[in-house]
Protein backbone atom coordinates (compact mmCIF):
# COMPACT_ATOMS: atom_id res chain seq x y z
CA MET A 1 -46.24 118.75 -16.66
CA LEU A 2 -49.82 119.38 -15.52
CA ALA A 3 -51.07 118.85 -19.07
CA VAL A 4 -49.39 115.42 -19.21
CA PHE A 5 -51.09 114.34 -15.97
CA LEU A 6 -54.43 115.67 -17.19
CA ILE A 7 -54.16 113.77 -20.47
CA LEU A 8 -53.09 110.62 -18.61
CA ALA A 9 -56.02 110.96 -16.20
CA ILE A 10 -58.51 111.37 -19.05
CA PHE A 11 -56.99 108.39 -20.88
CA LEU A 12 -57.20 106.17 -17.78
CA PHE A 13 -60.75 107.30 -17.06
CA PHE A 14 -61.98 106.26 -20.50
CA LEU A 15 -59.89 103.07 -20.44
CA PHE A 16 -61.43 101.83 -17.19
CA LYS A 17 -64.89 103.09 -18.11
CA SER A 18 -64.95 101.06 -21.32
CA LYS A 19 -63.80 97.77 -19.71
CA PRO A 20 -66.49 95.59 -18.19
CA ALA A 21 -66.18 94.86 -14.50
CA LEU A 22 -64.36 91.66 -13.62
CA ARG A 23 -66.93 90.73 -11.02
CA GLY A 24 -70.55 91.63 -11.14
CA GLU A 25 -72.39 92.83 -8.08
CA THR A 26 -74.44 90.11 -6.43
CA GLY A 27 -77.71 90.64 -4.64
CA LEU A 28 -76.09 89.87 -1.29
CA SER A 29 -73.29 92.39 -1.77
CA LYS A 30 -75.80 95.05 -2.77
CA ALA A 31 -77.99 94.27 0.26
CA VAL A 32 -75.03 94.41 2.66
CA ARG A 33 -73.84 97.69 1.14
CA GLU A 34 -77.29 99.25 1.49
CA LEU A 35 -77.67 97.92 5.05
CA LEU A 36 -74.35 99.45 6.10
CA ALA A 37 -75.20 102.73 4.38
CA VAL A 38 -78.51 102.96 6.25
CA ALA A 39 -76.90 101.90 9.54
CA GLY A 40 -74.17 104.53 9.05
CA THR A 41 -76.75 107.22 8.42
CA ILE A 42 -78.71 106.21 11.52
CA TYR A 43 -75.49 106.13 13.56
CA LEU A 44 -74.50 109.65 12.50
CA SER A 45 -78.00 110.93 13.23
CA LEU A 46 -78.10 109.34 16.68
CA ASP A 47 -74.61 110.60 17.46
CA ALA A 48 -75.54 114.15 16.48
CA LEU A 49 -78.79 113.93 18.46
CA PHE A 50 -77.11 112.69 21.63
CA LYS A 51 -74.37 115.32 21.36
CA PHE A 52 -77.01 118.03 20.84
CA ILE A 53 -79.06 116.86 23.83
CA GLY A 54 -75.93 116.28 25.90
CA LEU A 55 -76.57 112.67 26.87
CA LYS A 56 -73.60 110.61 27.93
CA ILE A 57 -73.44 107.10 26.50
CA PRO A 58 -71.10 104.44 27.91
CA ASP A 59 -68.23 103.40 25.66
CA LYS A 60 -69.04 99.71 25.91
CA VAL A 61 -71.87 97.56 27.23
CA SER A 62 -71.08 94.00 28.26
CA ILE A 63 -73.62 91.26 27.71
CA GLY A 64 -72.08 88.11 29.12
CA ASP A 65 -68.67 87.71 27.49
CA ILE A 66 -69.49 90.06 24.62
CA ALA A 67 -68.65 93.78 24.82
CA LEU A 68 -70.54 95.99 22.36
CA LYS A 69 -70.53 99.67 21.59
CA PRO A 70 -74.13 100.71 22.19
CA LEU A 71 -74.63 103.38 19.53
CA PRO A 72 -73.45 101.37 16.48
CA THR A 73 -75.33 98.32 17.79
CA VAL A 74 -78.58 100.27 18.07
CA ALA A 75 -78.04 101.79 14.62
CA LEU A 76 -77.49 98.35 13.06
CA LEU A 77 -80.54 96.89 14.81
CA LEU A 78 -82.71 99.80 13.65
CA ALA A 79 -81.43 99.36 10.09
CA ILE A 80 -82.28 95.65 10.20
CA LEU A 81 -85.68 96.10 11.84
CA GLY A 82 -86.71 99.08 9.70
CA PRO A 83 -87.95 97.09 6.69
CA VAL A 84 -89.69 94.62 9.02
CA GLY A 85 -91.55 97.46 10.73
CA GLU A 86 -92.45 98.98 7.39
CA GLY A 87 -93.90 95.65 6.21
CA VAL A 88 -95.97 95.30 9.38
CA TYR A 89 -97.18 98.88 9.03
CA ASN A 90 -98.20 98.37 5.40
CA ALA A 91 -99.97 95.09 6.24
CA LEU A 92 -101.90 96.75 9.06
CA ARG A 93 -102.78 99.68 6.81
CA ARG A 94 -104.10 97.37 4.11
CA THR A 95 -106.10 95.34 6.63
CA CYS A 96 -107.56 98.36 8.38
CA GLY A 97 -108.24 100.09 5.07
CA LYS A 98 -110.34 97.15 3.86
CA ARG A 99 -112.33 97.14 7.10
CA ILE A 100 -113.00 100.87 6.92
CA ASN A 101 -114.13 100.68 3.27
CA LYS A 102 -116.58 97.82 4.03
CA ARG A 103 -118.54 99.91 6.52
């Protein structure tokens, strides 16, 4: 019985591997997937850090009529602002590097 399932699994693996995907991945879907992966990593890191330190975080923060969970919101904002900060840092490094080399 196990051998039949193993043969069936191998057959299905090669069957689906050989067929082209019905839909290709777009740039937007790839960007959203990477953004959520980074935000998830940041969230888990912040959660572990706050548990290690022992800080209590409120369950929800209300801003007007909108109630947000603070930790996932901060993680998503950091994931969005990370590339922006990296671009600013690289631009400043290039600018300051040119000034230092001219002296």
